[in-house]
Amino acid sequence: MEPEVEDRDRHEEEHGRISGTVPQIVSKLEDPHRLDLLKPAQTLAQAEIGRGMNVVDIGAGSGVFAFEVANMPDTSVVAIDAKTDMLDYLSAKAREQGLENIKLLHASSVPYPIGSSSIDAVLMVHVLHEFNPEDREAVAAEIERILKPGGKFLLIDFPADSEVSGPPVNVRVSRDEADRLFTETGLVVHKQLEFGSDFYGVVYQKRS
């Protein structure tokens, strides 16, 4: 591995971001143990996200959740990621599955080119901690902006008070901090999802 690649990957890992080649990233994101914990189909059902919805997946990665939604009837998905090679992977995956209801968006910061109050649900799975602390309030405000009244925001991330496998503890966002971030934008806590001690899950909702 080239020294500059090693330096980049080390920087990414220090900030809790998954690094490596596309196959390496896909292998990490689709690790059977991780998928067994996340249970995408069951989690989306519990979050009341599915059929007939326009959904945005921020930090879509290998598309675990984005494709789960895209395979539901009458849905449309905007999969956002900061890595162009991951978006190329998602594009090929969509072609292989014959899915035409996934739009890919390359973005590493907000605002997104998405209309205000136009989205039924936003997903963010193991991504909030990757944003720089000074950018998180803007990200929260952007999620509130694009959600329709009554729209839902599913957040899953790593607890800050646990040593469970995941990003460095110092970059994690606690559940309390997440609640502060998103409720200050006007969202309300709609439902808590249980993932044991590995992750926390919250469904926020935009006021109608």
Protein backbone atom coordinates (compact mmCIF):
# COMPACT_ATOMS: atom_id res chain seq x y z
CA MET A 1 0.00 0.00 0.00
CA GLU A 2 1.27 3.47 -0.92
CA PRO A 3 2.27 5.71 2.04
CA GLU A 4 -0.30 8.37 1.11
CA VAL A 5 -3.05 5.72 1.02
CA GLU A 6 -1.96 4.43 4.42
CA ASP A 7 -2.05 7.99 5.80
CA ARG A 8 -5.51 8.60 4.35
CA ASP A 9 -6.88 5.33 5.73
CA ARG A 10 -5.36 6.02 9.16
CA HIS A 11 -6.96 9.48 9.17
CA GLU A 12 -10.33 7.98 8.20
CA GLU A 13 -10.15 5.34 10.93
CA GLU A 14 -9.19 7.90 13.57
CA HIS A 15 -12.40 9.76 12.69
CA GLY A 16 -14.50 6.62 12.83
CA ARG A 17 -14.85 6.30 9.05
CA ILE A 18 -14.58 2.96 7.31
CA SER A 19 -11.60 2.88 4.98
CA GLY A 20 -10.13 0.53 2.41
CA THR A 21 -10.94 -0.68 -1.08
CA VAL A 22 -14.56 -1.12 -2.16
CA PRO A 23 -14.48 -4.91 -1.58
CA GLN A 24 -12.99 -4.34 1.89
CA ILE A 25 -15.65 -1.76 2.78
CA VAL A 26 -18.46 -3.96 1.47
CA SER A 27 -17.11 -6.89 3.48
CA LYS A 28 -17.15 -4.79 6.66
CA LEU A 29 -20.61 -3.33 6.08
CA GLU A 30 -22.14 -6.64 5.08
CA ASP A 31 -20.46 -8.73 7.74
CA PRO A 32 -23.06 -11.38 8.70
CA HIS A 33 -22.80 -10.55 12.41
CA ARG A 34 -23.44 -6.84 11.71
CA LEU A 35 -26.42 -7.61 9.50
CA ASP A 36 -27.81 -9.99 12.10
CA LEU A 37 -27.67 -7.19 14.67
CA LEU A 38 -29.13 -4.54 12.37
CA LYS A 39 -31.88 -6.73 10.84
CA PRO A 40 -32.62 -4.16 8.09
CA ALA A 41 -36.07 -5.42 7.04
CA GLN A 42 -37.29 -5.78 10.63
CA THR A 43 -35.79 -2.45 11.65
CA LEU A 44 -37.43 -0.58 8.77
CA ALA A 45 -40.78 -2.17 9.65
CA GLN A 46 -40.43 -1.12 13.28
CA ALA A 47 -39.53 2.40 12.13
CA GLU A 48 -42.65 2.47 9.93
CA ILE A 49 -40.58 3.11 6.81
CA GLY A 50 -41.50 1.31 3.62
CA ARG A 51 -44.05 1.01 0.83
CA GLY A 52 -44.90 4.15 -1.12
CA MET A 53 -42.25 6.35 0.53
CA ASN A 54 -39.58 8.69 -0.82
CA VAL A 55 -36.50 7.90 1.26
CA VAL A 56 -33.04 9.43 1.62
CA ASP A 57 -30.17 7.30 2.94
CA ILE A 58 -27.31 9.49 4.18
CA GLY A 59 -24.02 7.60 4.03
CA ALA A 60 -25.57 4.71 2.12
CA GLY A 61 -22.34 2.70 1.99
CA SER A 62 -22.95 -0.66 0.32
CA GLY A 63 -26.68 -0.03 0.20
CA VAL A 64 -27.82 -2.43 2.93
CA PHE A 65 -30.77 -0.23 3.91
CA ALA A 66 -31.17 1.66 0.63
CA PHE A 67 -31.72 -1.52 -1.36
CA GLU A 68 -34.02 -2.97 1.27
CA VAL A 69 -36.26 0.06 0.75
CA ALA A 70 -35.82 0.13 -3.04
CA ASN A 71 -37.12 -3.42 -3.30
CA MET A 72 -40.39 -2.40 -1.63
CA PRO A 73 -43.34 -1.41 -3.85
CA ASP A 74 -43.74 2.19 -4.99
CA THR A 75 -40.65 3.53 -3.26
CA SER A 76 -37.93 5.89 -4.42
CA VAL A 77 -34.52 6.22 -2.79
CA VAL A 78 -31.79 8.85 -2.85
CA ALA A 79 -28.56 7.18 -1.74
CA ILE A 80 -26.00 9.76 -0.60
CA ASP A 81 -22.34 8.97 -0.06
CA ALA A 82 -19.06 10.89 0.08
CA LYS A 83 -17.12 8.15 -1.71
CA THR A 84 -17.47 8.09 -5.50
CA ASP A 85 -16.21 4.51 -5.69
CA MET A 86 -19.01 3.38 -3.37
CA LEU A 87 -21.54 5.19 -5.57
CA ASP A 88 -20.09 3.37 -8.59
CA TYR A 89 -20.60 0.13 -6.67
CA LEU A 90 -24.22 1.07 -5.88
CA SER A 91 -24.86 1.99 -9.52
CA ALA A 92 -23.64 -1.42 -10.68
CA LYS A 93 -25.64 -3.15 -7.95
CA ALA A 94 -28.82 -1.32 -9.00
CA ARG A 95 -28.29 -2.34 -12.64
CA GLU A 96 -27.75 -5.96 -11.61
CA GLN A 97 -31.00 -5.95 -9.65
CA GLY A 98 -32.91 -4.07 -12.34
CA LEU A 99 -33.78 -1.24 -9.95
CA GLU A 100 -34.58 2.12 -11.49
CA ASN A 101 -35.89 3.81 -8.35
CA ILE A 102 -32.50 4.63 -6.80
CA LYS A 103 -30.89 8.02 -7.41
CA LEU A 104 -27.24 8.38 -6.39
CA LEU A 105 -25.92 11.62 -4.93
CA HIS A 106 -22.26 12.40 -4.24
CA ALA A 107 -22.03 14.73 -1.25
CA SER A 108 -19.85 15.07 1.82
CA SER A 109 -21.58 18.11 3.30
CA VAL A 110 -24.93 19.86 3.43
CA PRO A 111 -27.07 21.36 1.98
CA TYR A 112 -28.28 18.62 -0.36
CA PRO A 113 -30.01 19.41 -3.68
CA ILE A 114 -33.30 18.07 -2.33
CA GLY A 115 -36.49 20.07 -2.01
CA SER A 116 -37.77 21.22 1.36
CA SER A 117 -40.53 19.08 2.92
CA SER A 118 -40.26 16.54 0.09
CA ILE A 119 -39.02 13.36 1.81
CA ASP A 120 -41.04 10.81 3.76
CA ALA A 121 -38.10 9.29 5.64
CA VAL A 122 -34.37 9.76 6.15
CA LEU A 123 -31.98 7.00 7.20
CA MET A 124 -28.60 7.43 8.87
CA VAL A 125 -26.98 4.17 9.96
CA HIS A 126 -23.56 4.35 11.64
CA VAL A 127 -22.81 7.70 10.01
CA LEU A 128 -23.54 10.54 12.46
CA HIS A 129 -20.22 10.07 14.26
CA GLU A 130 -18.39 10.49 10.92
CA PHE A 131 -19.44 14.13 10.60
CA ASN A 132 -17.13 16.66 12.20
CA PRO A 133 -18.63 17.90 15.48
CA GLU A 134 -18.89 21.46 14.17
CA ASP A 135 -20.98 20.24 11.20
CA ARG A 136 -23.52 18.10 13.04
CA GLU A 137 -26.02 20.85 13.85
CA ALA A 138 -26.16 21.81 10.16
CA VAL A 139 -26.72 18.17 9.23
CA ALA A 140 -29.56 17.90 11.76
CA ALA A 141 -31.15 21.09 10.40
CA GLU A 142 -30.88 19.78 6.84
CA ILE A 143 -32.66 16.56 7.77
CA GLU A 144 -35.47 18.56 9.34
CA ARG A 145 -35.64 20.76 6.22
CA ILE A 146 -36.06 17.97 3.68
CA LEU A 147 -38.55 15.90 5.72
CA LYS A 148 -42.25 16.26 5.07
CA PRO A 149 -44.39 17.17 8.09
CA GLY A 150 -44.88 13.89 9.90
CA GLY A 151 -41.82 12.42 8.16
CA LYS A 152 -39.52 10.05 10.00
CA PHE A 153 -35.77 10.00 10.62
CA LEU A 154 -34.16 6.69 11.57
CA LEU A 155 -30.85 7.08 13.39
CA ILE A 156 -28.65 4.13 14.38
CA ASP A 157 -25.21 4.66 15.89
CA PHE A 158 -22.74 3.44 18.47
CA PRO A 159 -23.15 4.26 22.18
CA ALA A 160 -20.53 6.64 23.54
CA ASP A 161 -20.38 4.93 26.93
CA SER A 162 -19.46 1.47 25.69
CA GLU A 163 -16.33 -0.26 24.44
CA VAL A 164 -18.27 -2.41 21.95
CA SER A 165 -16.57 -2.84 18.60
CA GLY A 166 -16.85 0.22 16.39
CA PRO A 167 -15.33 3.68 15.93
CA PRO A 168 -13.06 5.24 18.56
CA VAL A 169 -15.08 6.19 21.63
CA ASN A 170 -13.90 9.80 21.44
CA VAL A 171 -15.68 10.39 18.10
CA ARG A 172 -18.96 8.70 19.00
CA VAL A 173 -22.18 10.66 19.54
CA SER A 174 -24.10 9.68 22.66
CA ARG A 175 -27.82 9.07 22.60
CA ASP A 176 -28.33 12.16 24.78
CA GLU A 177 -26.30 14.30 22.40
CA ALA A 178 -28.22 12.90 19.42
CA ASP A 179 -31.52 13.76 21.10
CA ARG A 180 -30.28 17.28 21.75
CA LEU A 181 -29.12 17.74 18.15
CA PHE A 182 -32.32 16.60 16.53
CA THR A 183 -34.94 17.85 18.97
CA GLU A 184 -33.43 21.34 18.83
CA THR A 185 -34.27 21.40 15.11
CA GLY A 186 -37.91 20.69 15.92
CA LEU A 187 -37.98 16.90 15.52
CA VAL A 188 -39.50 14.83 18.30
CA VAL A 189 -38.60 11.36 19.55
CA HIS A 190 -41.18 9.00 18.06
CA LYS A 191 -39.82 5.58 18.97
CA GLN A 192 -36.76 3.86 20.44
CA LEU A 193 -35.41 0.70 18.80
CA GLU A 194 -33.57 -1.99 20.71
CA PHE A 195 -30.21 -3.31 19.54
CA GLY A 196 -28.87 -4.45 22.89
CA SER A 197 -25.60 -2.84 23.95
CA ASP A 198 -24.13 -2.78 20.43
CA PHE A 199 -26.02 0.19 18.97
CA TYR A 200 -28.78 2.61 19.85
CA GLY A 201 -31.67 3.28 17.50
CA VAL A 202 -34.10 6.18 17.50
CA VAL A 203 -36.93 7.18 15.20
CA TYR A 204 -37.49 10.94 15.23
CA GLN A 205 -40.47 12.60 13.59
CA LYS A 206 -41.05 16.01 12.11
CA ARG A 207 -44.02 17.80 13.62
CA SER A 208 -47.10 17.81 11.41
